[in-house]
């Protein structure tokens, strides 16, 4: 078959919470949010990644769940995801298919840390 030339379609990005609190320096004592999205493509979605910008930065891979759902748990107290920061974190999800077509969608999460 010819390669896909259309980008994957992302549904509404959802977060179980967009207001998270944490205790700086205490891994595992922060509130977490599951960030998820439905991603579809005529040739199949091969990956969904999250890029964090704002009070925290970095890139995360999402796990492929049931059906077309992709998700990851955002934990502001995880040392790999930064800690002790407060403010808005914009999480931009990007779905990619086997032909490297991609399509972004974003959600903003406010993180407030104490301690």
N, C-alpha and C. Protein backbone atom coordinates (compact mmCIF):
# COMPACT_ATOMS: atom_id res chain seq x y z
N UNK A 1 0.84 -1.21 0.00
CA UNK A 1 0.00 0.00 0.00
C UNK A 1 0.87 1.26 0.00
N UNK A 2 0.37 2.35 -0.56
CA UNK A 2 1.15 3.59 -0.56
C UNK A 2 1.25 4.13 0.86
N UNK A 3 2.29 4.92 1.13
CA UNK A 3 2.45 5.47 2.48
C UNK A 3 1.33 6.45 2.79
N UNK A 4 1.02 6.55 4.07
CA UNK A 4 0.00 7.50 4.52
C UNK A 4 0.51 8.91 4.32
N UNK A 5 -0.36 9.81 3.88
CA UNK A 5 0.06 11.19 3.71
C UNK A 5 -0.79 12.15 4.52
N UNK A 6 -1.59 11.62 5.41
CA UNK A 6 -2.38 12.46 6.30
C UNK A 6 -1.93 12.24 7.74
N UNK A 7 -1.99 13.29 8.51
CA UNK A 7 -1.58 13.22 9.91
C UNK A 7 -2.63 12.50 10.75
N UNK A 8 -2.21 11.87 11.85
CA UNK A 8 -3.17 11.27 12.76
C UNK A 8 -4.13 12.33 13.30
N UNK A 9 -5.29 11.88 13.72
CA UNK A 9 -6.29 12.77 14.30
C UNK A 9 -6.28 12.58 15.80
N UNK A 10 -6.12 13.68 16.54
CA UNK A 10 -6.17 13.63 18.00
C UNK A 10 -7.52 14.14 18.46
N UNK A 11 -8.09 13.44 19.42
CA UNK A 11 -9.31 13.91 20.06
C UNK A 11 -8.96 14.94 21.12
N UNK A 12 -9.93 15.31 21.90
CA UNK A 12 -9.72 16.26 23.00
C UNK A 12 -8.73 15.68 24.01
N UNK A 13 -7.71 16.44 24.36
CA UNK A 13 -6.77 16.02 25.40
C UNK A 13 -7.47 16.18 26.74
N UNK A 14 -7.38 15.16 27.58
CA UNK A 14 -8.02 15.27 28.90
C UNK A 14 -7.00 15.04 30.00
N UNK A 15 -7.27 15.67 31.13
CA UNK A 15 -6.44 15.51 32.32
C UNK A 15 -7.38 15.24 33.49
N UNK A 16 -7.03 14.26 34.34
CA UNK A 16 -7.89 13.97 35.48
C UNK A 16 -7.93 15.14 36.44
N UNK A 17 -6.91 16.02 36.38
CA UNK A 17 -6.90 17.26 37.15
C UNK A 17 -6.01 18.25 36.41
N UNK A 18 -6.37 19.53 36.46
CA UNK A 18 -5.51 20.56 35.88
C UNK A 18 -4.97 21.48 36.96
N UNK A 19 -5.21 21.14 38.23
CA UNK A 19 -4.66 21.87 39.37
C UNK A 19 -3.99 20.86 40.28
N UNK A 20 -2.66 20.85 40.30
CA UNK A 20 -1.93 19.85 41.08
C UNK A 20 -1.11 20.52 42.17
N UNK A 21 -1.07 19.92 43.34
CA UNK A 21 -0.22 20.38 44.41
C UNK A 21 0.87 19.36 44.68
N UNK A 22 2.00 19.83 45.19
CA UNK A 22 3.07 18.90 45.51
C UNK A 22 3.87 19.44 46.69
N UNK A 23 4.60 18.56 47.32
CA UNK A 23 5.54 18.95 48.36
C UNK A 23 6.92 18.81 47.76
N UNK A 24 7.59 19.90 47.55
CA UNK A 24 8.89 19.88 46.88
C UNK A 24 9.85 18.94 47.60
N UNK A 25 10.51 18.09 46.85
CA UNK A 25 11.52 17.21 47.41
C UNK A 25 11.00 15.90 47.95
N UNK A 26 9.69 15.69 47.91
CA UNK A 26 9.13 14.45 48.44
C UNK A 26 8.49 13.66 47.32
N UNK A 27 9.29 12.81 46.71
CA UNK A 27 8.80 11.99 45.60
C UNK A 27 7.65 11.13 46.10
N UNK A 28 6.61 11.07 45.31
CA UNK A 28 5.46 10.23 45.65
C UNK A 28 4.45 10.91 46.55
N UNK A 29 4.70 12.17 46.97
CA UNK A 29 3.75 12.84 47.84
C UNK A 29 3.02 13.96 47.12
N UNK A 30 3.08 13.92 45.82
CA UNK A 30 2.38 14.94 45.03
C UNK A 30 1.08 14.38 44.49
N UNK A 31 0.22 15.29 44.14
CA UNK A 31 -0.96 14.89 43.39
C UNK A 31 -0.49 14.57 41.97
N UNK A 32 -1.17 13.68 41.32
CA UNK A 32 -0.82 13.32 39.94
C UNK A 32 -2.04 13.53 39.05
N UNK A 33 -1.78 13.59 37.77
CA UNK A 33 -2.86 13.69 36.79
C UNK A 33 -2.57 12.73 35.66
N UNK A 34 -3.58 11.99 35.26
CA UNK A 34 -3.45 11.15 34.08
C UNK A 34 -3.85 11.98 32.87
N UNK A 35 -2.92 12.12 31.95
CA UNK A 35 -3.15 12.87 30.72
C UNK A 35 -3.44 11.85 29.63
N UNK A 36 -4.55 11.99 28.92
CA UNK A 36 -4.88 11.01 27.90
C UNK A 36 -5.51 11.67 26.68
N UNK A 37 -5.48 10.92 25.58
CA UNK A 37 -6.02 11.40 24.32
C UNK A 37 -6.39 10.19 23.46
N UNK A 38 -7.38 10.37 22.63
CA UNK A 38 -7.71 9.38 21.61
C UNK A 38 -6.95 9.77 20.35
N UNK A 39 -6.23 8.84 19.75
CA UNK A 39 -5.46 9.12 18.54
C UNK A 39 -5.78 8.07 17.49
N UNK A 40 -6.16 8.52 16.31
CA UNK A 40 -6.49 7.60 15.22
C UNK A 40 -5.77 8.02 13.94
N UNK A 41 -5.58 7.04 13.07
CA UNK A 41 -4.94 7.31 11.78
C UNK A 41 -5.30 6.17 10.84
N UNK A 42 -5.49 6.48 9.56
CA UNK A 42 -5.87 5.43 8.62
C UNK A 42 -4.79 4.36 8.47
N UNK A 43 -3.53 4.71 8.72
CA UNK A 43 -2.44 3.74 8.63
C UNK A 43 -1.97 3.27 10.00
N UNK A 44 -2.58 3.78 11.07
CA UNK A 44 -2.21 3.38 12.42
C UNK A 44 -1.27 4.37 13.09
N UNK A 45 -1.55 4.68 14.34
CA UNK A 45 -0.70 5.55 15.14
C UNK A 45 0.43 4.71 15.72
N UNK A 46 1.67 5.16 15.54
CA UNK A 46 2.82 4.39 16.04
C UNK A 46 3.36 4.93 17.35
N UNK A 47 3.09 6.21 17.65
CA UNK A 47 3.60 6.79 18.89
C UNK A 47 2.83 8.06 19.22
N UNK A 48 2.73 8.32 20.52
CA UNK A 48 2.23 9.61 21.00
C UNK A 48 3.22 10.08 22.06
N UNK A 49 3.70 11.30 21.91
CA UNK A 49 4.65 11.86 22.86
C UNK A 49 4.07 13.13 23.47
N UNK A 50 4.56 13.44 24.67
CA UNK A 50 4.16 14.66 25.37
C UNK A 50 5.38 15.54 25.55
N UNK A 51 5.25 16.81 25.21
CA UNK A 51 6.30 17.78 25.44
C UNK A 51 5.81 18.75 26.50
N UNK A 52 6.62 18.91 27.58
CA UNK A 52 6.27 19.81 28.68
C UNK A 52 7.02 21.12 28.50
N UNK A 53 6.30 22.23 28.58
CA UNK A 53 6.90 23.55 28.51
C UNK A 53 6.30 24.42 29.61
N UNK A 54 7.02 25.43 30.00
CA UNK A 54 6.56 26.33 31.05
C UNK A 54 7.38 26.11 32.29
N UNK A 55 6.71 25.89 33.44
CA UNK A 55 7.40 25.72 34.71
C UNK A 55 8.26 24.46 34.74
N UNK A 56 7.94 23.49 33.92
CA UNK A 56 8.74 22.28 33.77
C UNK A 56 8.91 22.01 32.29
N UNK A 57 10.01 21.38 31.93
CA UNK A 57 10.25 21.06 30.53
C UNK A 57 10.65 19.60 30.39
N UNK A 58 10.50 19.06 29.21
CA UNK A 58 10.92 17.69 28.95
C UNK A 58 9.99 17.02 27.97
N UNK A 59 10.27 15.76 27.70
CA UNK A 59 9.47 14.97 26.77
C UNK A 59 9.15 13.63 27.42
N UNK A 60 7.94 13.15 27.24
CA UNK A 60 7.50 11.86 27.78
C UNK A 60 6.85 11.04 26.66
N UNK A 61 6.94 9.74 26.77
CA UNK A 61 6.23 8.85 25.86
C UNK A 61 4.94 8.42 26.54
N UNK A 62 3.89 8.27 25.75
CA UNK A 62 2.62 7.81 26.27
C UNK A 62 2.47 6.33 26.01
N UNK A 63 1.76 5.65 26.90
CA UNK A 63 1.50 4.23 26.74
C UNK A 63 0.21 4.05 25.94
N UNK A 64 0.21 3.05 25.07
CA UNK A 64 -0.98 2.74 24.28
C UNK A 64 -1.89 1.86 25.11
N UNK A 65 -3.08 2.33 25.38
CA UNK A 65 -4.04 1.57 26.17
C UNK A 65 -5.07 0.89 25.28
N UNK A 66 -6.25 0.71 25.83
CA UNK A 66 -7.33 0.05 25.10
C UNK A 66 -7.80 0.91 23.93
N UNK A 67 -8.12 0.27 22.84
CA UNK A 67 -8.64 0.98 21.68
C UNK A 67 -7.63 1.99 21.14
N UNK A 68 -8.07 3.23 21.02
CA UNK A 68 -7.22 4.29 20.49
C UNK A 68 -6.72 5.23 21.58
N UNK A 69 -6.79 4.80 22.83
CA UNK A 69 -6.41 5.66 23.95
C UNK A 69 -4.91 5.57 24.24
N UNK A 70 -4.29 6.74 24.43
CA UNK A 70 -2.88 6.85 24.81
C UNK A 70 -2.84 7.71 26.06
N UNK A 71 -1.98 7.37 27.05
CA UNK A 71 -1.96 8.15 28.28
C UNK A 71 -0.63 8.04 29.01
N UNK A 72 -0.41 8.98 29.94
CA UNK A 72 0.70 8.89 30.88
C UNK A 72 0.31 9.60 32.15
N UNK A 73 0.98 9.25 33.26
CA UNK A 73 0.71 9.88 34.55
C UNK A 73 1.74 10.99 34.75
N UNK A 74 1.23 12.21 34.88
CA UNK A 74 2.09 13.37 35.12
C UNK A 74 2.21 13.57 36.62
N UNK A 75 3.45 13.55 37.12
CA UNK A 75 3.72 13.68 38.55
C UNK A 75 4.75 14.79 38.74
N UNK A 76 4.36 15.98 39.21
CA UNK A 76 5.31 17.08 39.34
C UNK A 76 6.38 16.84 40.39
N UNK A 77 6.24 15.83 41.23
CA UNK A 77 7.26 15.56 42.24
C UNK A 77 8.24 14.49 41.80
N UNK A 78 8.08 13.99 40.58
CA UNK A 78 8.99 12.99 40.05
C UNK A 78 10.26 13.71 39.61
N UNK A 79 11.44 13.31 40.13
CA UNK A 79 12.67 14.00 39.78
C UNK A 79 12.93 14.08 38.27
N UNK A 80 12.46 13.08 37.53
CA UNK A 80 12.65 13.11 36.08
C UNK A 80 11.74 14.14 35.42
N UNK A 81 10.69 14.57 36.11
CA UNK A 81 9.77 15.54 35.55
C UNK A 81 9.90 16.88 36.26
N UNK A 82 10.95 17.06 37.03
CA UNK A 82 11.16 18.32 37.74
C UNK A 82 10.48 18.27 39.10
N UNK A 83 10.90 19.10 40.02
CA UNK A 83 10.23 19.19 41.32
C UNK A 83 10.51 20.55 41.92
N UNK A 84 9.63 20.99 42.77
CA UNK A 84 9.81 22.26 43.44
C UNK A 84 9.44 23.46 42.60
N UNK A 85 8.83 23.21 41.44
CA UNK A 85 8.42 24.30 40.57
C UNK A 85 6.94 24.57 40.77
N UNK A 86 6.55 25.77 40.51
CA UNK A 86 5.14 26.12 40.53
C UNK A 86 4.82 26.89 39.28
N UNK A 87 3.59 26.84 38.86
CA UNK A 87 3.17 27.59 37.68
C UNK A 87 2.56 26.68 36.64
N UNK A 88 2.23 27.28 35.52
CA UNK A 88 1.59 26.52 34.46
C UNK A 88 2.58 25.66 33.70
N UNK A 89 2.14 24.46 33.39
CA UNK A 89 2.89 23.54 32.54
C UNK A 89 1.97 23.21 31.36
N UNK A 90 2.41 23.54 30.16
CA UNK A 90 1.64 23.18 28.99
C UNK A 90 2.15 21.84 28.49
N UNK A 91 1.24 20.90 28.35
CA UNK A 91 1.58 19.56 27.88
C UNK A 91 1.02 19.42 26.48
N UNK A 92 1.91 19.36 25.51
CA UNK A 92 1.50 19.23 24.11
C UNK A 92 1.71 17.78 23.68
N UNK A 93 0.64 17.14 23.27
CA UNK A 93 0.71 15.76 22.81
C UNK A 93 0.82 15.76 21.29
N UNK A 94 1.66 14.87 20.78
CA UNK A 94 1.86 14.77 19.34
C UNK A 94 1.76 13.31 18.94
N UNK A 95 0.79 13.01 18.06
CA UNK A 95 0.62 11.66 17.54
C UNK A 95 1.38 11.54 16.23
N UNK A 96 2.03 10.40 16.02
CA UNK A 96 2.80 10.16 14.81
C UNK A 96 2.41 8.81 14.21
N UNK A 97 2.34 8.77 12.89
CA UNK A 97 2.05 7.50 12.24
C UNK A 97 3.33 6.91 11.63
N UNK A 98 3.21 5.76 10.97
CA UNK A 98 4.37 5.08 10.42
C UNK A 98 5.09 5.85 9.33
N UNK A 99 4.43 6.84 8.72
CA UNK A 99 5.06 7.67 7.69
C UNK A 99 5.60 8.98 8.27
N UNK A 100 5.61 9.07 9.59
CA UNK A 100 6.12 10.22 10.34
C UNK A 100 5.27 11.48 10.19
N UNK A 101 4.01 11.32 9.75
CA UNK A 101 3.07 12.44 9.81
C UNK A 101 2.70 12.63 11.26
N UNK A 102 2.51 13.89 11.69
CA UNK A 102 2.16 14.11 13.09
C UNK A 102 1.18 15.26 13.23
N UNK A 103 0.55 15.31 14.41
CA UNK A 103 -0.47 16.30 14.68
C UNK A 103 -0.47 16.60 16.18
N UNK A 104 -0.29 17.88 16.59
CA UNK A 104 -0.24 18.21 18.02
C UNK A 104 -1.57 18.68 18.60
N UNK A 105 -1.71 18.52 19.92
CA UNK A 105 -2.84 19.04 20.69
C UNK A 105 -2.33 19.29 22.10
N UNK A 106 -2.88 20.27 22.83
CA UNK A 106 -2.28 20.66 24.12
C UNK A 106 -3.31 20.81 25.23
N UNK A 107 -2.82 20.68 26.47
CA UNK A 107 -3.60 20.97 27.67
C UNK A 107 -2.66 21.68 28.64
N UNK A 108 -3.17 22.62 29.44
CA UNK A 108 -2.34 23.32 30.42
C UNK A 108 -2.68 22.81 31.81
N UNK A 109 -1.64 22.47 32.58
CA UNK A 109 -1.80 22.00 33.95
C UNK A 109 -1.10 22.98 34.85
N UNK A 110 -1.78 23.46 35.90
CA UNK A 110 -1.16 24.37 36.86
C UNK A 110 -0.61 23.55 38.01
N UNK A 111 0.70 23.74 38.31
CA UNK A 111 1.36 23.03 39.39
C UNK A 111 1.74 24.03 40.46
N UNK A 112 1.33 23.77 41.68
CA UNK A 112 1.74 24.63 42.79
C UNK A 112 2.43 23.75 43.81
N UNK A 113 3.66 24.12 44.17
CA UNK A 113 4.46 23.32 45.08
C UNK A 113 4.75 24.11 46.35
N UNK A 114 4.81 23.39 47.46
CA UNK A 114 5.15 23.98 48.73
C UNK A 114 6.29 23.19 49.35
N UNK A 115 6.90 23.72 50.35
CA UNK A 115 7.91 22.97 51.08
C UNK A 115 9.27 23.41 50.69
